[in-house]
Protein backbone atom coordinates (compact mmCIF):
# COMPACT_ATOMS: atom_id res chain seq x y z
CA MET A 1 -16.91 8.84 10.78
CA SER A 2 -14.54 6.29 9.26
CA LEU A 3 -12.59 3.37 10.92
CA LEU A 4 -9.11 2.52 9.43
CA ALA A 5 -8.89 -1.42 9.84
CA LEU A 6 -5.72 -1.14 11.98
CA ALA A 7 -4.37 1.86 14.23
CA GLY A 8 -1.45 3.71 13.30
CA THR A 9 -2.07 4.55 9.90
CA ASN A 10 0.11 8.00 9.01
CA SER A 11 -2.07 10.06 6.36
CA ALA A 12 -2.29 13.83 6.98
CA THR A 13 -4.10 16.43 4.93
CA GLY A 14 -3.51 20.05 4.29
CA GLY A 15 -0.04 21.61 3.45
CA TYR A 16 2.33 20.05 1.18
CA GLU A 17 0.84 17.64 -1.00
CA ILE A 18 2.24 14.26 -2.62
CA ALA A 19 0.85 13.14 -6.00
CA ASN A 20 2.22 10.00 -6.83
CA SER A 21 4.06 6.90 -5.34
CA CYS A 22 5.39 3.93 -6.94
CA LYS A 23 4.39 0.12 -6.46
CA PHE A 24 7.10 -2.24 -6.31
CA GLU A 25 6.04 -5.88 -6.18
CA ALA A 26 8.94 -8.60 -5.25
CA ASP A 27 7.27 -11.18 -7.53
CA ASN A 28 7.95 -9.27 -10.35
CA THR A 29 11.37 -8.19 -9.36
CA GLU A 30 10.66 -4.64 -9.89
CA TYR A 31 13.15 -2.10 -8.46
CA LEU A 32 15.05 0.87 -9.66
CA SER A 33 19.14 1.14 -9.80
CA ARG A 34 21.82 3.63 -10.52
CA THR A 35 25.35 3.40 -10.84
CA PRO A 36 27.15 6.96 -9.64
CA SER A 37 30.18 8.00 -11.75
CA SER A 38 32.14 9.06 -8.80
CA ASN A 39 32.77 8.28 -5.17
CA THR A 40 31.60 11.17 -3.02
CA ASN A 41 30.73 10.98 0.90
CA ARG A 42 30.78 7.90 2.37
CA GLN A 43 30.14 8.68 5.89
CA THR A 44 27.79 11.51 5.89
CA TRP A 45 24.50 11.53 4.35
CA THR A 46 20.77 11.25 4.80
CA PHE A 47 18.53 8.83 3.18
CA SER A 48 14.59 9.75 3.48
CA THR A 49 11.46 8.13 2.06
CA TRP A 50 7.94 6.90 2.61
CA VAL A 51 6.85 3.35 2.62
CA LYS A 52 3.51 1.72 2.93
CA ARG A 53 4.22 -2.02 3.21
CA THR A 54 2.29 -4.49 1.32
CA GLU A 55 3.69 -8.00 2.00
CA LEU A 56 4.92 -8.88 5.57
CA GLY A 57 7.60 -11.23 6.62
CA GLN A 58 10.25 -10.68 3.50
CA ASN A 59 13.33 -8.84 3.07
CA ALA A 60 12.03 -5.84 1.88
CA ARG A 61 14.85 -3.43 1.11
CA LEU A 62 14.61 0.37 0.71
CA ILE A 63 18.02 1.23 -0.44
CA ASP A 64 20.89 -1.38 -1.09
CA VAL A 65 24.41 -0.93 -2.25
CA HIS A 66 26.10 -4.40 -2.74
CA VAL A 67 29.50 -5.51 -3.81
CA ASP A 68 30.20 -8.79 -2.12
CA GLY A 69 29.30 -10.85 0.88
CA GLN A 70 32.22 -8.54 2.53
CA ASN A 71 31.29 -5.18 1.30
CA PHE A 72 27.72 -4.03 1.41
CA THR A 73 25.50 -1.26 2.67
CA THR A 74 21.73 -2.44 2.99
CA PHE A 75 18.35 -0.70 4.75
CA GLY A 76 15.05 -1.81 5.18
CA PHE A 77 12.89 -4.65 6.56
CA ASP A 78 13.82 -8.18 7.40
CA THR A 79 11.66 -11.57 7.71
CA SER A 80 10.33 -10.37 11.15
CA ASP A 81 9.27 -7.12 9.86
CA ARG A 82 11.97 -5.23 11.82
CA LEU A 83 13.97 -2.47 10.42
CA ILE A 84 17.41 -3.36 9.71
CA VAL A 85 20.81 -1.45 9.22
CA TYR A 86 23.30 -3.96 7.81
CA VAL A 87 26.89 -2.86 6.44
CA ILE A 88 29.71 -4.72 5.93
CA ASP A 89 33.16 -2.70 5.19
CA GLY A 90 35.80 -5.56 4.61
CA GLY A 91 34.25 -7.89 6.38
CA VAL A 92 33.44 -6.06 9.42
CA ASP A 93 29.89 -5.86 10.48
CA ASN A 94 27.98 -2.79 11.64
CA GLY A 95 24.37 -1.82 12.50
CA GLY A 96 21.58 -4.26 13.67
CA HIS A 97 17.98 -5.42 13.68
CA TYR A 98 15.77 -2.79 15.39
CA THR A 99 13.07 -4.37 17.81
CA ARG A 100 10.11 -2.74 16.75
CA ARG A 101 7.93 -4.37 14.12
CA PHE A 102 6.25 -2.64 11.40
CA ARG A 103 3.27 -4.96 10.35
CA ASP A 104 0.43 -2.03 9.78
CA THR A 105 -0.24 -2.69 5.89
CA SER A 106 -2.77 0.14 5.97
CA ALA A 107 -0.07 3.01 7.29
CA TRP A 108 2.39 5.12 5.40
CA TYR A 109 5.79 5.36 7.39
CA HIS A 110 8.40 7.98 7.28
CA ILE A 111 11.94 6.72 7.70
CA VAL A 112 14.98 8.53 7.84
CA TRP A 113 18.65 6.98 7.99
CA LYS A 114 20.94 9.79 9.07
CA SER A 115 24.72 8.63 8.78
CA ASP A 116 27.57 10.97 10.34
CA ILE A 117 30.03 8.86 11.10
CA THR A 118 32.66 11.12 12.31
CA ASN A 119 30.64 12.18 15.14
CA VAL A 120 32.33 12.18 18.22
CA THR A 121 29.33 10.62 19.88
CA ALA A 122 29.24 7.13 19.09
CA ALA A 123 25.21 7.02 19.53
CA ASN A 124 24.68 9.75 16.95
CA ARG A 125 26.86 7.87 14.09
CA TRP A 126 24.04 6.56 12.96
CA GLN A 127 20.32 7.28 13.63
CA ILE A 128 17.15 5.77 12.55
CA TYR A 129 13.85 7.88 12.70
CA VAL A 130 10.25 6.67 11.96
CA ASN A 131 7.77 9.21 11.73
CA GLY A 132 9.90 11.79 13.43
CA VAL A 133 10.99 9.85 16.41
CA GLU A 134 14.32 7.92 16.81
CA ILE A 135 14.22 4.06 17.45
CA THR A 136 17.04 2.78 19.31
CA ALA A 137 16.51 -0.42 20.80
CA LYS A 138 17.84 -3.54 18.87
CA ASP A 139 17.12 -7.32 18.83
CA ILE A 140 20.51 -7.74 17.14
CA ASP A 141 23.40 -5.23 17.52
CA TYR A 142 26.44 -5.45 15.15
CA GLY A 143 28.17 -2.46 16.78
CA THR A 144 28.41 1.21 16.55
CA PRO A 145 30.50 2.33 13.67
CA PRO A 146 34.26 3.60 14.46
CA THR A 147 34.91 7.02 13.03
CA ASN A 148 37.22 5.34 10.35
CA PHE A 149 34.32 3.42 8.93
CA PHE A 150 32.97 3.74 5.39
CA THR A 151 29.51 2.89 4.04
CA LEU A 152 29.09 2.25 0.45
CA MET A 153 26.48 5.03 -0.27
CA ASN A 154 27.58 7.35 -2.54
CA THR A 155 30.50 4.95 -4.40
CA THR A 156 30.45 3.79 -7.75
CA TYR A 157 28.50 0.41 -7.19
CA SER A 158 24.58 0.29 -8.05
CA ALA A 159 22.58 1.69 -5.65
CA LYS A 160 18.92 -0.04 -5.97
CA ILE A 161 15.77 0.98 -4.34
CA GLY A 162 13.44 -1.78 -3.58
CA TYR A 163 16.01 -4.88 -4.09
CA ASN A 164 17.85 -7.07 -1.65
CA THR A 165 21.09 -7.87 -3.97
CA ASP A 166 22.60 -10.12 -1.06
CA GLY A 167 19.28 -12.18 -0.95
CA SER A 168 18.28 -11.64 -4.74
CA ASN A 169 14.69 -10.61 -3.98
CA GLY A 170 12.60 -7.82 -4.56
CA SER A 171 10.24 -5.74 -2.15
CA SER A 172 6.50 -5.62 -2.19
CA GLN A 173 5.85 -1.64 -1.09
CA TYR A 174 4.74 1.48 -2.21
CA MET A 175 7.21 4.06 -1.90
CA ALA A 176 6.97 8.05 -2.06
CA GLU A 177 9.02 11.21 -1.62
CA THR A 178 12.49 9.37 -1.61
CA HIS A 179 15.72 11.70 -1.18
CA LEU A 180 19.12 11.06 -0.58
CA ILE A 181 21.26 13.74 0.75
CA ASP A 182 24.82 13.62 0.17
CA GLY A 183 27.36 15.21 2.34
CA GLN A 184 24.87 16.03 4.84
CA ALA A 185 23.56 14.59 8.17
CA LEU A 186 19.89 16.05 8.63
CA GLU A 187 17.22 15.52 11.09
CA PRO A 188 14.14 14.33 9.94
CA THR A 189 12.50 17.73 10.76
CA GLU A 190 13.96 18.68 7.14
CA PHE A 191 11.46 16.31 5.34
CA GLY A 192 8.15 16.53 7.68
CA GLU A 193 6.69 17.57 10.68
CA PHE A 194 4.17 17.15 13.57
CA ASP A 195 0.42 18.54 12.57
CA GLU A 196 -0.24 21.21 14.84
CA ASP A 197 -4.12 20.12 15.05
CA THR A 198 -3.70 16.25 14.94
CA GLY A 199 -0.45 15.53 16.01
CA ILE A 200 0.12 13.25 12.70
CA TRP A 201 3.33 13.40 11.46
CA LYS A 202 3.22 14.66 7.95
CA PRO A 203 5.33 15.49 4.96
CA LYS A 204 6.53 18.70 4.17
CA ALA A 205 8.95 19.95 1.03
CA TYR A 206 12.57 19.53 1.41
CA THR A 207 14.20 22.96 0.43
CA GLY A 208 17.91 22.26 0.90
CA SER A 209 20.73 20.87 -1.38
CA TYR A 210 21.47 17.62 -2.60
CA GLY A 211 24.94 17.23 -3.02
CA THR A 212 27.02 15.34 -6.16
CA ASN A 213 25.16 12.06 -5.50
CA GLY A 214 22.03 13.16 -4.26
CA PHE A 215 18.69 12.60 -5.81
CA TYR A 216 14.82 12.96 -5.44
CA LEU A 217 12.47 10.79 -6.73
CA ASP A 218 8.65 11.84 -6.57
CA PHE A 219 7.40 9.29 -9.06
CA GLU A 220 5.29 11.96 -10.69
CA ASN A 221 6.55 11.19 -14.37
CA ALA A 222 4.80 7.88 -15.18
CA SER A 223 6.70 7.55 -18.50
CA SER A 224 9.97 7.82 -16.37
CA LEU A 225 9.23 6.64 -12.74
CA GLY A 226 13.06 6.68 -12.51
CA ALA A 227 13.41 10.50 -12.87
CA ASP A 228 15.73 12.64 -10.47
CA SER A 229 13.62 15.56 -9.73
CA SER A 230 16.73 17.03 -7.44
CA GLY A 231 18.23 19.05 -10.22
CA ASN A 232 20.95 16.78 -10.37
CA GLY A 233 19.95 14.53 -13.36
CA ASN A 234 20.84 11.22 -11.25
CA ASN A 235 18.07 9.23 -12.63
CA PHE A 236 17.56 5.61 -11.82
CA THR A 237 16.96 2.67 -14.37
CA LEU A 238 13.52 0.91 -14.56
CA ASN A 239 13.62 -2.75 -13.89
CA ASN A 240 10.52 -4.38 -14.62
CA ILE A 241 8.68 -1.11 -13.75
CA ALA A 242 6.45 0.83 -15.91
CA ALA A 243 3.91 3.71 -16.19
CA ALA A 244 1.47 1.37 -15.05
CA ASP A 245 3.20 1.05 -11.71
CA GLN A 246 2.60 4.53 -10.86
CA ALA A 247 -0.15 4.94 -7.72
CA THR A 248 -1.90 7.99 -6.53
CA ASP A 249 -1.87 6.20 -2.93
CA THR A 250 0.24 8.39 -0.89
CA PRO A 251 1.09 9.76 2.60
CA THR A 252 -0.97 12.78 1.91
CA ASN A 253 -3.88 10.88 0.46
CA ASN A 254 -3.75 7.35 1.58
CA PHE A 255 -6.36 4.92 -0.19
CA SER A 256 -7.93 1.73 0.81
CA THR A 257 -6.38 -1.65 -0.33
CA GLY A 258 -6.90 -5.28 0.53
CA ASN A 259 -5.83 -5.99 3.89
CA ASN A 260 -3.44 -8.73 4.07
CA LEU A 261 -3.39 -8.72 7.91
CA HIS A 262 -6.91 -10.65 8.00
CA TYR A 263 -5.75 -14.15 8.81
CA PHE A 264 -6.84 -16.21 5.88
CA SER A 265 -8.19 -19.87 6.78
CA ASN A 266 -5.26 -21.12 4.54
CA PRO A 267 -2.65 -18.61 3.99
CA THR A 268 -0.53 -20.83 1.54
CA THR A 269 -3.30 -21.59 -0.95
CA LEU A 270 -3.99 -17.66 -1.29
CA VAL A 271 -1.50 -15.00 -2.39
CA LEU A 272 -2.16 -11.26 -2.13
CA THR A 273 0.20 -9.19 -4.46
CA GLU A 274 0.48 -5.84 -6.72
CA GLY A 275 0.05 -3.51 -3.77
CA GLN A 276 -2.46 -5.44 -2.07
CA THR A 277 -4.69 -5.29 -4.72
CA LYS A 278 -4.45 -8.92 -6.27
CA ILE A 279 -5.95 -12.08 -4.88
CA ALA A 280 -4.86 -15.55 -6.19
CA LYS A 281 -6.03 -19.05 -5.03
CA THR A 282 -4.11 -22.12 -5.32
CA ALA A 283 -6.76 -24.61 -3.81
CA ASN A 284 -10.45 -24.66 -3.70
CA GLY A 285 -12.25 -22.65 -0.78
CA TRP A 286 -13.70 -19.28 -0.06
CA GLU A 287 -11.68 -16.52 0.76
CA THR A 288 -12.49 -12.98 0.86
CA LEU A 289 -10.09 -10.14 0.68
CA ALA A 290 -11.45 -7.05 2.57
CA SER A 291 -10.78 -3.27 2.64
CA THR A 292 -8.33 -1.90 4.69
CA ILE A 293 -10.95 0.87 5.70
CA ALA A 294 -14.16 0.72 7.21
CA VAL A 295 -17.00 3.63 6.89
CA THR A 296 -20.19 4.66 9.19
CA SER A 297 -21.15 7.46 6.86
CA GLY A 298 -20.66 8.76 3.41
CA LYS A 299 -21.19 7.09 -0.15
CA TRP A 300 -18.16 5.32 -1.36
CA TYR A 301 -17.27 3.38 -4.80
CA MET A 302 -15.08 0.82 -5.78
CA GLU A 303 -14.17 -1.55 -8.61
CA MET A 304 -13.47 -5.09 -9.03
CA GLN A 305 -12.14 -7.41 -12.07
CA ASN A 306 -12.04 -11.17 -12.47
CA ILE A 307 -8.29 -11.87 -14.09
CA SER A 308 -8.43 -15.45 -14.67
CA VAL A 309 -12.16 -15.38 -14.85
CA PRO A 310 -13.37 -17.31 -12.17
CA GLU A 311 -16.52 -19.11 -12.40
CA SER A 312 -17.20 -18.60 -8.70
CA ALA A 313 -17.05 -15.16 -7.11
CA MET A 314 -18.48 -12.60 -4.75
CA MET A 315 -18.62 -8.92 -4.57
CA SER A 316 -19.58 -7.98 -0.86
CA VAL A 317 -20.17 -5.45 1.77
CA PHE A 318 -20.20 -6.40 5.42
CA PRO A 319 -19.83 -5.30 9.10
CA ALA A 320 -16.36 -4.91 10.39
CA ASP A 321 -16.92 -7.19 13.22
CA ILE A 322 -18.10 -9.92 10.76
CA GLU A 323 -16.69 -13.43 12.01
CA PHE A 324 -14.17 -14.12 9.37
CA ILE A 325 -12.50 -10.84 9.41
CA GLY A 326 -9.56 -11.33 12.25
CA ALA A 327 -10.49 -14.62 12.62
CA GLY A 328 -9.71 -16.12 9.38
CA GLY A 329 -11.49 -15.86 6.09
CA GLN A 330 -12.75 -19.18 6.69
CA ILE A 331 -12.43 -21.68 4.14
CA ASN A 332 -16.40 -21.87 2.51
CA ASN A 333 -17.46 -18.93 4.37
CA TYR A 334 -18.34 -15.76 2.67
CA ALA A 335 -20.43 -12.25 3.40
CA GLY A 336 -23.91 -13.49 3.65
CA LYS A 337 -23.41 -17.27 3.97
CA VAL A 338 -24.18 -17.36 7.84
CA SER A 339 -27.20 -16.25 9.28
CA GLY A 340 -26.64 -12.86 11.56
CA ASP A 341 -23.29 -11.90 10.07
CA GLY A 342 -24.74 -8.79 8.41
CA GLY A 343 -23.06 -9.34 5.10
CA ILE A 344 -24.58 -9.16 1.69
CA SER A 345 -22.97 -10.64 -1.58
CA TYR A 346 -23.58 -10.64 -5.20
CA TYR A 347 -22.25 -14.04 -6.68
CA SER A 348 -20.99 -14.23 -10.07
CA TYR A 349 -22.23 -17.76 -10.96
CA SER A 350 -26.02 -16.94 -10.49
CA GLY A 351 -26.21 -13.51 -10.22
CA ASN A 352 -28.20 -13.73 -7.11
CA ILE A 353 -27.96 -12.11 -3.96
CA PHE A 354 -26.92 -13.69 -0.55
CA TYR A 355 -27.57 -12.61 2.60
CA ASN A 356 -28.63 -14.07 6.04
CA ALA A 357 -28.23 -17.65 4.87
CA THR A 358 -30.49 -16.93 1.86
CA ASN A 359 -30.27 -15.90 -1.83
CA ALA A 360 -32.30 -14.29 -4.20
CA SER A 361 -32.52 -13.18 -7.68
CA TYR A 362 -30.71 -9.76 -8.41
CA GLY A 363 -28.95 -9.32 -11.46
CA SER A 364 -27.03 -10.91 -14.45
CA SER A 365 -24.13 -13.67 -13.85
CA TRP A 366 -20.42 -12.34 -14.18
CA ALA A 367 -18.84 -15.96 -14.13
CA ASN A 368 -15.93 -16.59 -16.71
CA GLU A 369 -15.98 -13.04 -17.86
CA THR A 370 -13.78 -9.78 -17.27
CA ASN A 371 -16.21 -7.30 -17.01
CA THR A 372 -15.29 -4.47 -14.54
CA MET A 373 -17.86 -4.58 -11.47
CA ALA A 374 -18.72 -2.39 -8.78
CA ILE A 375 -20.01 -1.43 -5.53
CA ALA A 376 -21.91 1.78 -4.57
CA LEU A 377 -22.05 1.87 -0.88
CA ASP A 378 -24.51 4.54 0.63
CA MET A 379 -24.03 4.46 4.44
CA ASP A 380 -26.22 7.30 4.68
CA ASN A 381 -28.84 6.11 3.74
CA GLY A 382 -27.87 2.10 4.62
CA LYS A 383 -28.07 0.91 1.05
CA VAL A 384 -25.59 -0.99 -1.26
CA TYR A 385 -26.00 -1.22 -5.27
CA PHE A 386 -24.04 -3.60 -7.45
CA ALA A 387 -23.01 -3.06 -11.13
CA ARG A 388 -21.72 -4.97 -13.99
CA SER A 389 -20.03 -2.99 -16.89
CA ASN A 390 -21.41 0.17 -15.35
CA VAL A 391 -25.14 -1.36 -15.52
CA TRP A 392 -26.65 -1.12 -11.96
CA GLN A 393 -28.40 -4.32 -11.35
CA ASN A 394 -31.80 -4.86 -10.37
CA SER A 395 -32.36 -1.42 -12.13
CA GLY A 396 -30.68 0.31 -9.47
CA ASP A 397 -30.11 4.00 -9.07
CA PRO A 398 -27.48 4.88 -6.69
CA THR A 399 -28.53 8.51 -6.70
CA SER A 400 -31.72 7.81 -5.32
CA GLY A 401 -31.01 8.23 -1.57
CA ALA A 402 -33.70 7.30 0.83
CA THR A 403 -35.75 5.97 -2.04
CA GLY A 404 -33.20 3.28 -2.49
CA THR A 405 -34.41 2.15 -6.05
CA GLY A 406 -33.09 -1.29 -6.95
CA ALA A 407 -31.18 -0.95 -3.69
CA ILE A 408 -30.45 -3.86 -1.10
CA ASN A 409 -30.88 -2.67 2.54
CA LEU A 410 -27.85 -3.02 4.81
CA ILE A 411 -28.79 -5.72 7.36
CA GLU A 412 -26.85 -3.66 10.11
CA PRO A 413 -26.78 -0.36 8.87
CA SER A 414 -25.28 1.08 12.26
CA LYS A 415 -22.37 -0.77 12.11
CA PRO A 416 -18.91 0.39 10.28
CA HIS A 417 -18.79 -1.24 6.98
CA MET A 418 -16.07 -2.82 4.78
CA MET A 419 -16.17 -3.58 0.87
CA GLY A 420 -14.52 -6.72 -0.39
CA TYR A 421 -13.98 -9.61 -3.15
CA ALA A 422 -14.08 -13.26 -2.66
CA VAL A 423 -13.09 -15.98 -4.99
CA TYR A 424 -13.44 -19.83 -4.65
CA ALA A 425 -11.60 -21.89 -7.35
CA ASN A 426 -7.71 -23.01 -7.52
CA ASN A 427 -5.89 -21.25 -10.04
CA THR A 428 -8.29 -18.32 -9.91
CA SER A 429 -7.59 -14.68 -9.31
CA GLY A 430 -9.21 -11.12 -9.51
CA ALA A 431 -8.41 -7.51 -8.35
CA VAL A 432 -9.83 -4.73 -6.51
CA ASN A 433 -9.47 -1.02 -7.07
CA PHE A 434 -10.26 1.33 -4.65
CA GLY A 435 -8.60 4.47 -6.61
CA GLY A 436 -5.20 4.16 -5.64
CA TYR A 437 -3.80 1.57 -7.63
CA THR A 438 -4.95 -1.34 -9.49
CA PRO A 439 -3.31 -4.35 -11.83
CA SER A 440 -6.51 -4.13 -14.15
CA SER A 441 -6.20 -2.58 -17.15
CA ILE A 442 -7.82 0.88 -17.27
CA SER A 443 -8.98 2.45 -20.50
CA SER A 444 -11.21 5.56 -19.34
CA ALA A 445 -9.02 6.83 -16.01
CA ALA A 446 -12.27 8.29 -14.67
CA SER A 447 -12.00 9.87 -11.29
CA ASP A 448 -14.86 10.89 -8.57
CA ALA A 449 -16.14 14.50 -8.39
CA ASN A 450 -13.08 15.61 -6.17
CA GLY A 451 -10.61 14.20 -8.72
CA TYR A 452 -9.60 11.10 -6.73
CA GLY A 453 -8.98 7.66 -7.70
CA THR A 454 -8.61 6.05 -11.24
CA PHE A 455 -11.57 3.97 -12.26
CA GLU A 456 -12.69 2.15 -15.48
CA TYR A 457 -16.27 4.16 -14.74
CA ALA A 458 -16.96 7.40 -13.23
CA PRO A 459 -18.59 6.83 -9.84
CA PRO A 460 -22.05 7.92 -9.67
CA SER A 461 -22.83 11.56 -8.61
CA GLY A 462 -22.08 11.73 -4.64
CA TYR A 463 -20.00 8.47 -4.24
CA TYR A 464 -16.19 8.80 -3.63
CA ALA A 465 -12.95 6.86 -3.82
CA LEU A 466 -12.27 5.36 -0.39
CA CYS A 467 -9.17 7.34 0.48
CA THR A 468 -8.31 9.72 3.58
CA LYS A 469 -8.85 13.14 1.73
CA ASN A 470 -12.36 12.09 0.79
CA LEU A 471 -12.82 10.63 4.39
CA GLU A 472 -11.97 13.89 6.06
CA GLU A 473 -14.90 15.57 4.05
CA PHE A 474 -17.74 13.00 4.08
CA GLY A 475 -16.61 10.26 6.30
C-alpha cells in the first residue's frame, strides 16, 4: 500500500494516456506566447488544461491576454491560492476570485473555463470546473458578464501560457493536455470522465474541432514544446523554456516530487523551485526535503545531486510521522539525529550513517562534489541501500532480498516511509530526482524495468520509480 502525503491527488491509470507535461518556473520567467493573426470568437470558447502546482502563494496564471490595465483577460491562481477569473473590457470588471483554495502540490487538477457570454442564463455565461465539478462560490465577485461583453481571447493580442502580464511574473507549475476551443462552449466531459471503478476524474481524448484560433499543447516534442497538435499550426513561442523542461510527470502517471507543504523551520531561508525538485539555502541550518509519496511495500529508487557542492548534506529515509514532517524541518534536525525518530541518513561530509542519535562508519564521503547519489528502498524486506556514482556503499547489493547484503535495516519497517534530501549551509543547493523531472543534467536517461522515470543510472533489478503507475502494480 502507498500513501500520498496529501489527500486529493488526482491520478488515474488505464485508458487514455498522457505522455508528457511542461515544467514552468516563475524564477526563470518561463512561459509560452502566441499572437493570433485574426480576431475570431471573443465570447464563445473553452479553455481546458491539467495543472500540478509547485509553488503556492503566487499569481500563477494558466492563460493571460493583456493589452493594458483597462483591457485584459486572465485566468489562474491568485496569491491566496484561489482560482481567479479577471476580465476587464474598457475598464469594466467581470469575474471574481473563487472561494476554494488549491494547495495540494502532489495533485494534478483538471481545470476548465467555459465561456458562453451570449447565453440567456447569466449564471451559464462563465463556468469554471475542477475535476469535472463546477465551482461557483466566490470570495470576490466582479459580476456576471452582460451579453454584449467581450473577452480578449481569440484576438490579435498576445496570449501567454504560464505568465501574468499584469503582475509581470511567471508561474511555477507543471501543465499538460492544454486546449483552447475557438467558437464552442464545451462541457468538461469533452476532456475527462469519472473512472467507473475508482470515481477519480481522469483525462480522455478530445475528438472535436478547434476552430480558427484553437490549439492543443501536448508537450510531446521536447525540441518544440510550444508545438500545436490540433492541426491548426497555432504554435507558441518559447520564452526561457528548453527541451529540459519537458517532464514525464502527468495526470495519468503522477510522480513523487519534493513536498513544499511541509512547514520548514524558517521558510525565508529555504527556497524550493524547479517543479519541487531543487532545494536551496540562504542561511545555515538543516532542512529536509521529503517525497510527496510514502510507501509501505515495494522497492523504490530515487537519485539526488549536489548542485552548489555543499559540504554538509544528507540523503535519508524516514517514517512519514517523523517529527520534522508537518511540524517543521526544524533547524539542526535531520533524519536519525533524534533517538527514536526512525530515520536513517547517509552523511556527505564523513560518509557515516546516522540513526537513533548515533552514527557509524558506512561509505565514502560525497561532500563538495556533484556525483549522482541514489537510494534503493526495499520496503518488502525492511532495508535501505545508498549509492555514490552507481557504487552501492558498504558493498551493498539491493537485489539480495531478505539477506540484505550491505543493507541498513529500517528501524520501524512497518510504518510508511518517505525518501528525502537535506542540506545545511548557506548558499548551497541540491536536486532530487524521482524520475518525473529533475534540473540535474542527465547523460544516460535510464528508466526502470517498466520504462518509467528518467535517471542517470538504471535502478537495480526489481526497483522502480516512485510514480502512480508503479504504485498501482507494486505499492
